[in-house]
Amino acid sequence: MSNIIPAEVIERSILLIRGQKVMLDSDLADLYQVSIRRLNEQVRRNIKRFPADFMFQLSEEEYDSLRSQIATLKTGRGKHRKYLPLVFTEQGVAMLSGVLNSDRAINVNIEVMRAFVRLREILSSHKDLVRKLEELEGKYDEQFKVVFEAIRRLMLPQQLRRKSVH
């Protein structure tokens, strides 16, 4: 299954919204190879399985912000969404395999769960690295300040690194 869906594709689909790591219904529908309409239809039919900490609908502002960031708006007649997108937390994604009930849904969910775990591990190791760097910084004097600043800049995401350099 991991050959069919590269981990990077899934990881790029995980967004941070309202302080939670989530995936858009449209991205999940693409992964499951079902229409957004079918995915959301199954969710509505099984709404008790999707409490607010598993799934929520984006506000107009959140959707507009996402559209401007990742250009999700398609052009042409019938290409605009009637309803605001749903987003699913890790638990909501896990629940989807049960309501979609296909081998593909099960396999996609396994890969998505692995991506969420990898993301947690990366974030955790990043926090550990920051803590260790702060400890080292406290032990050494001014002459290493430039080195520590360079290391911190390298730890920033690539987009921020460019901004902080200029």
C-alpha atoms as a PDB file:
ATOM      1  CA  MET A   1       0.000   0.000   0.000  1.00  0.00           C
ATOM      2  CA  SER A   2       2.806   2.430   0.779  1.00  0.00           C
ATOM      3  CA  ASN A   3       3.893   2.065  -2.862  1.00  0.00           C
ATOM      4  CA  ILE A   4       0.470   3.245  -4.035  1.00  0.00           C
ATOM      5  CA  ILE A   5       0.392   6.276  -1.728  1.00  0.00           C
ATOM      6  CA  PRO A   6       3.755   7.833  -0.933  1.00  0.00           C
ATOM      7  CA  ALA A   7       4.062   8.891   2.711  1.00  0.00           C
ATOM      8  CA  GLU A   8       4.967  12.424   1.589  1.00  0.00           C
ATOM      9  CA  VAL A   9       1.584  12.812  -0.138  1.00  0.00           C
ATOM     10  CA  ILE A  10      -0.239  11.944   3.059  1.00  0.00           C
ATOM     11  CA  GLU A  11       2.066  14.044   5.248  1.00  0.00           C
ATOM     12  CA  ARG A  12       1.540  17.112   3.017  1.00  0.00           C
ATOM     13  CA  SER A  13      -2.225  16.641   3.428  1.00  0.00           C
ATOM     14  CA  ILE A  14      -2.065  16.952   7.220  1.00  0.00           C
ATOM     15  CA  LEU A  15      -2.898  20.533   8.188  1.00  0.00           C
ATOM     16  CA  LEU A  16      -2.889  22.398  11.475  1.00  0.00           C
ATOM     17  CA  ILE A  17      -6.319  23.973  12.027  1.00  0.00           C
ATOM     18  CA  ARG A  18      -7.666  25.177  15.399  1.00  0.00           C
ATOM     19  CA  GLY A  19      -4.550  23.752  16.991  1.00  0.00           C
ATOM     20  CA  GLN A  20      -5.309  20.239  15.725  1.00  0.00           C
ATOM     21  CA  LYS A  21      -3.682  18.125  13.035  1.00  0.00           C
ATOM     22  CA  VAL A  22      -6.430  17.379  10.508  1.00  0.00           C
ATOM     23  CA  MET A  23      -7.077  16.262   6.947  1.00  0.00           C
ATOM     24  CA  LEU A  24      -9.578  17.784   4.519  1.00  0.00           C
ATOM     25  CA  ASP A  25     -12.493  15.715   3.257  1.00  0.00           C
ATOM     26  CA  SER A  26     -11.352  16.383  -0.325  1.00  0.00           C
ATOM     27  CA  ASP A  27      -7.842  15.031   0.336  1.00  0.00           C
ATOM     28  CA  LEU A  28      -9.250  11.956   2.050  1.00  0.00           C
ATOM     29  CA  ALA A  29     -11.737  11.368  -0.781  1.00  0.00           C
ATOM     30  CA  ASP A  30      -8.824  11.466  -3.245  1.00  0.00           C
ATOM     31  CA  LEU A  31      -6.861   8.955  -1.165  1.00  0.00           C
ATOM     32  CA  TYR A  32      -9.862   6.630  -0.800  1.00  0.00           C
ATOM     33  CA  GLN A  33     -10.736   7.098  -4.484  1.00  0.00           C
ATOM     34  CA  VAL A  34     -14.316   8.096  -3.718  1.00  0.00           C
ATOM     35  CA  SER A  35     -16.141  11.343  -4.391  1.00  0.00           C
ATOM     36  CA  ILE A  36     -16.260  13.992  -1.679  1.00  0.00           C
ATOM     37  CA  ARG A  37     -20.035  13.665  -1.866  1.00  0.00           C
ATOM     38  CA  ARG A  38     -19.899   9.913  -1.138  1.00  0.00           C
ATOM     39  CA  LEU A  39     -17.439  10.359   1.725  1.00  0.00           C
ATOM     40  CA  ASN A  40     -19.546  13.079   3.367  1.00  0.00           C
ATOM     41  CA  GLU A  41     -22.734  11.118   2.727  1.00  0.00           C
ATOM     42  CA  GLN A  42     -21.320   8.144   4.658  1.00  0.00           C
ATOM     43  CA  VAL A  43     -20.227  10.454   7.459  1.00  0.00           C
ATOM     44  CA  ARG A  44     -23.731  11.976   7.712  1.00  0.00           C
ATOM     45  CA  ARG A  45     -25.297   8.494   7.771  1.00  0.00           C
ATOM     46  CA  ASN A  46     -22.984   7.595  10.667  1.00  0.00           C
ATOM     47  CA  ILE A  47     -22.800  10.993  12.360  1.00  0.00           C
ATOM     48  CA  LYS A  48     -22.788   9.494  15.882  1.00  0.00           C
ATOM     49  CA  ARG A  49     -19.346   8.063  15.103  1.00  0.00           C
ATOM     50  CA  PHE A  50     -17.924  11.548  14.483  1.00  0.00           C
ATOM     51  CA  PRO A  51     -18.039  13.759  17.587  1.00  0.00           C
ATOM     52  CA  ALA A  52     -16.501  17.252  17.458  1.00  0.00           C
ATOM     53  CA  ASP A  53     -13.048  15.972  18.446  1.00  0.00           C
ATOM     54  CA  PHE A  54     -13.094  13.567  15.463  1.00  0.00           C
ATOM     55  CA  MET A  55     -14.455  15.924  12.801  1.00  0.00           C
ATOM     56  CA  PHE A  56     -15.607  19.506  12.341  1.00  0.00           C
ATOM     57  CA  GLN A  57     -16.671  21.820   9.558  1.00  0.00           C
ATOM     58  CA  LEU A  58     -14.440  24.727   8.581  1.00  0.00           C
ATOM     59  CA  SER A  59     -15.698  28.278   9.035  1.00  0.00           C
ATOM     60  CA  GLU A  60     -15.874  30.626   6.037  1.00  0.00           C
ATOM     61  CA  GLU A  61     -12.733  32.408   7.272  1.00  0.00           C
ATOM     62  CA  GLU A  62     -10.776  29.168   7.678  1.00  0.00           C
ATOM     63  CA  TYR A  63     -11.832  27.980   4.229  1.00  0.00           C
ATOM     64  CA  ASP A  64     -10.954  31.313   2.603  1.00  0.00           C
ATOM     65  CA  SER A  65      -7.566  31.239   4.300  1.00  0.00           C
ATOM     66  CA  LEU A  66      -6.916  27.694   3.093  1.00  0.00           C
ATOM     67  CA  ARG A  67      -8.005  28.519  -0.444  1.00  0.00           C
ATOM     68  CA  SER A  68      -5.581  31.418  -0.601  1.00  0.00           C
ATOM     69  CA  GLN A  69      -2.739  29.320   0.855  1.00  0.00           C
ATOM     70  CA  ILE A  70      -3.104  26.165  -1.205  1.00  0.00           C
ATOM     71  CA  ALA A  71      -5.290  27.221  -4.129  1.00  0.00           C
ATOM     72  CA  THR A  72      -8.056  24.674  -3.531  1.00  0.00           C
ATOM     73  CA  LEU A  73     -10.698  26.567  -5.495  1.00  0.00           C
ATOM     74  CA  LYS A  74     -11.386  25.023  -8.879  1.00  0.00           C
ATOM     75  CA  THR A  75     -12.720  27.121 -11.714  1.00  0.00           C
ATOM     76  CA  GLY A  76     -15.594  26.367 -14.044  1.00  0.00           C
ATOM     77  CA  ARG A  77     -19.272  25.617 -13.778  1.00  0.00           C
ATOM     78  CA  GLY A  78     -20.132  23.150 -11.033  1.00  0.00           C
ATOM     79  CA  LYS A  79     -16.596  23.132  -9.634  1.00  0.00           C
ATOM     80  CA  HIS A  80     -17.298  25.203  -6.515  1.00  0.00           C
ATOM     81  CA  ARG A  81     -18.301  23.471  -3.305  1.00  0.00           C
ATOM     82  CA  LYS A  82     -21.804  24.044  -2.014  1.00  0.00           C
ATOM     83  CA  TYR A  83     -20.812  23.330   1.569  1.00  0.00           C
ATOM     84  CA  LEU A  84     -17.827  24.207   3.697  1.00  0.00           C
ATOM     85  CA  PRO A  85     -15.323  21.337   3.929  1.00  0.00           C
ATOM     86  CA  LEU A  86     -15.214  18.872   6.761  1.00  0.00           C
ATOM     87  CA  VAL A  87     -11.878  18.130   8.390  1.00  0.00           C
ATOM     88  CA  PHE A  88     -10.998  14.972  10.263  1.00  0.00           C
ATOM     89  CA  THR A  89      -8.627  14.518  13.180  1.00  0.00           C
ATOM     90  CA  GLU A  90      -6.542  11.383  13.493  1.00  0.00           C
ATOM     91  CA  GLN A  91      -9.393   9.665  15.361  1.00  0.00           C
ATOM     92  CA  GLY A  92     -11.892  10.763  12.718  1.00  0.00           C
ATOM     93  CA  VAL A  93      -9.725   9.350   9.956  1.00  0.00           C
ATOM     94  CA  ALA A  94      -9.537   6.060  11.847  1.00  0.00           C
ATOM     95  CA  MET A  95     -13.335   6.016  12.066  1.00  0.00           C
ATOM     96  CA  LEU A  96     -13.686   6.578   8.308  1.00  0.00           C
ATOM     97  CA  SER A  97     -12.374   3.117   7.418  1.00  0.00           C
ATOM     98  CA  GLY A  98     -15.364   1.627   9.236  1.00  0.00           C
ATOM     99  CA  VAL A  99     -17.981   3.725   7.495  1.00  0.00           C
ATOM    100  CA  LEU A 100     -16.457   3.487   4.012  1.00  0.00           C
ATOM    101  CA  ASN A 101     -15.974  -0.262   4.472  1.00  0.00           C
ATOM    102  CA  SER A 102     -13.645  -1.135   1.625  1.00  0.00           C
ATOM    103  CA  ASP A 103     -10.227  -2.751   1.434  1.00  0.00           C
ATOM    104  CA  ARG A 104      -8.819   0.474   0.008  1.00  0.00           C
ATOM    105  CA  ALA A 105     -10.249   2.497   2.936  1.00  0.00           C
ATOM    106  CA  ILE A 106      -8.634   0.120   5.410  1.00  0.00           C
ATOM    107  CA  ASN A 107      -5.250   0.236   3.646  1.00  0.00           C
ATOM    108  CA  VAL A 108      -5.346   4.019   3.245  1.00  0.00           C
ATOM    109  CA  ASN A 109      -6.190   4.399   6.925  1.00  0.00           C
ATOM    110  CA  ILE A 110      -3.206   2.294   7.924  1.00  0.00           C
ATOM    111  CA  GLU A 111      -0.911   4.574   5.914  1.00  0.00           C
ATOM    112  CA  VAL A 112      -2.574   7.734   7.261  1.00  0.00           C
ATOM    113  CA  MET A 113      -2.212   6.509  10.854  1.00  0.00           C
ATOM    114  CA  ARG A 114       1.469   5.851  10.185  1.00  0.00           C
ATOM    115  CA  ALA A 115       1.856   9.385   8.822  1.00  0.00           C
ATOM    116  CA  PHE A 116       0.252  10.882  11.945  1.00  0.00           C
ATOM    117  CA  VAL A 117       2.602   8.816  14.134  1.00  0.00           C
ATOM    118  CA  ARG A 118       5.660   9.944  12.108  1.00  0.00           C
ATOM    119  CA  LEU A 119       4.551  13.556  12.436  1.00  0.00           C
ATOM    120  CA  ARG A 120       4.211  13.185  16.213  1.00  0.00           C
ATOM    121  CA  GLU A 121       7.669  11.603  16.404  1.00  0.00           C
ATOM    122  CA  ILE A 122       9.209  14.421  14.351  1.00  0.00           C
ATOM    123  CA  LEU A 123       7.563  17.088  16.505  1.00  0.00           C
ATOM    124  CA  SER A 124       8.631  15.301  19.680  1.00  0.00           C
ATOM    125  CA  SER A 125      12.251  14.947  18.585  1.00  0.00           C
ATOM    126  CA  HIS A 126      12.244  18.615  17.528  1.00  0.00           C
ATOM    127  CA  LYS A 127      11.125  19.638  21.041  1.00  0.00           C
ATOM    128  CA  ASP A 128      13.845  17.441  22.565  1.00  0.00           C
ATOM    129  CA  LEU A 129      16.430  19.025  20.280  1.00  0.00           C
ATOM    130  CA  VAL A 130      15.336  22.553  21.279  1.00  0.00           C
ATOM    131  CA  ARG A 131      15.553  21.618  24.974  1.00  0.00           C
ATOM    132  CA  LYS A 132      19.039  20.112  24.559  1.00  0.00           C
ATOM    133  CA  LEU A 133      20.215  23.137  22.608  1.00  0.00           C
ATOM    134  CA  GLU A 134      18.998  25.455  25.385  1.00  0.00           C
ATOM    135  CA  GLU A 135      20.862  23.347  27.957  1.00  0.00           C
ATOM    136  CA  LEU A 136      24.072  23.531  25.921  1.00  0.00           C
ATOM    137  CA  GLU A 137      23.662  27.252  25.385  1.00  0.00           C
ATOM    138  CA  GLY A 138      23.520  27.766  29.135  1.00  0.00           C
ATOM    139  CA  LYS A 139      26.815  25.918  29.591  1.00  0.00           C
ATOM    140  CA  TYR A 140      28.869  27.823  27.018  1.00  0.00           C
ATOM    141  CA  ASP A 141      29.835  31.463  26.824  1.00  0.00           C
ATOM    142  CA  GLU A 142      29.409  34.230  24.229  1.00  0.00           C
ATOM    143  CA  GLN A 143      31.945  32.807  21.756  1.00  0.00           C
ATOM    144  CA  PHE A 144      29.477  30.041  20.787  1.00  0.00           C
ATOM    145  CA  LYS A 145      26.486  32.375  20.392  1.00  0.00           C
ATOM    146  CA  VAL A 146      26.897  32.521  16.584  1.00  0.00           C
ATOM    147  CA  VAL A 147      26.986  28.720  16.394  1.00  0.00           C
ATOM    148  CA  PHE A 148      23.787  28.379  18.431  1.00  0.00           C
ATOM    149  CA  GLU A 149      22.014  31.004  16.313  1.00  0.00           C
ATOM    150  CA  ALA A 150      23.029  29.141  13.133  1.00  0.00           C
ATOM    151  CA  ILE A 151      21.715  25.854  14.545  1.00  0.00           C
ATOM    152  CA  ARG A 152      18.401  27.490  15.510  1.00  0.00           C
ATOM    153  CA  ARG A 153      18.047  28.932  11.999  1.00  0.00           C
ATOM    154  CA  LEU A 154      18.625  25.461  10.502  1.00  0.00           C
ATOM    155  CA  MET A 155      15.881  24.050  12.723  1.00  0.00           C
ATOM    156  CA  LEU A 156      13.313  26.462  11.267  1.00  0.00           C
ATOM    157  CA  PRO A 157      11.058  25.295   8.425  1.00  0.00           C
ATOM    158  CA  GLN A 158      12.592  26.170   5.061  1.00  0.00           C
ATOM    159  CA  GLN A 159      10.139  29.021   4.295  1.00  0.00           C
ATOM    160  CA  LEU A 160      10.901  30.759   7.600  1.00  0.00           C
ATOM    161  CA  ARG A 161      14.635  30.216   7.143  1.00  0.00           C
ATOM    162  CA  ARG A 162      14.587  32.246   3.936  1.00  0.00           C
ATOM    163  CA  LYS A 163      12.710  35.078   5.663  1.00  0.00           C
ATOM    164  CA  SER A 164      14.979  35.097   8.702  1.00  0.00           C
ATOM    165  CA  VAL A 165      18.129  35.196   6.588  1.00  0.00           C
ATOM    166  CA  HIS A 166      17.074  38.264   4.580  1.00  0.00           C
END
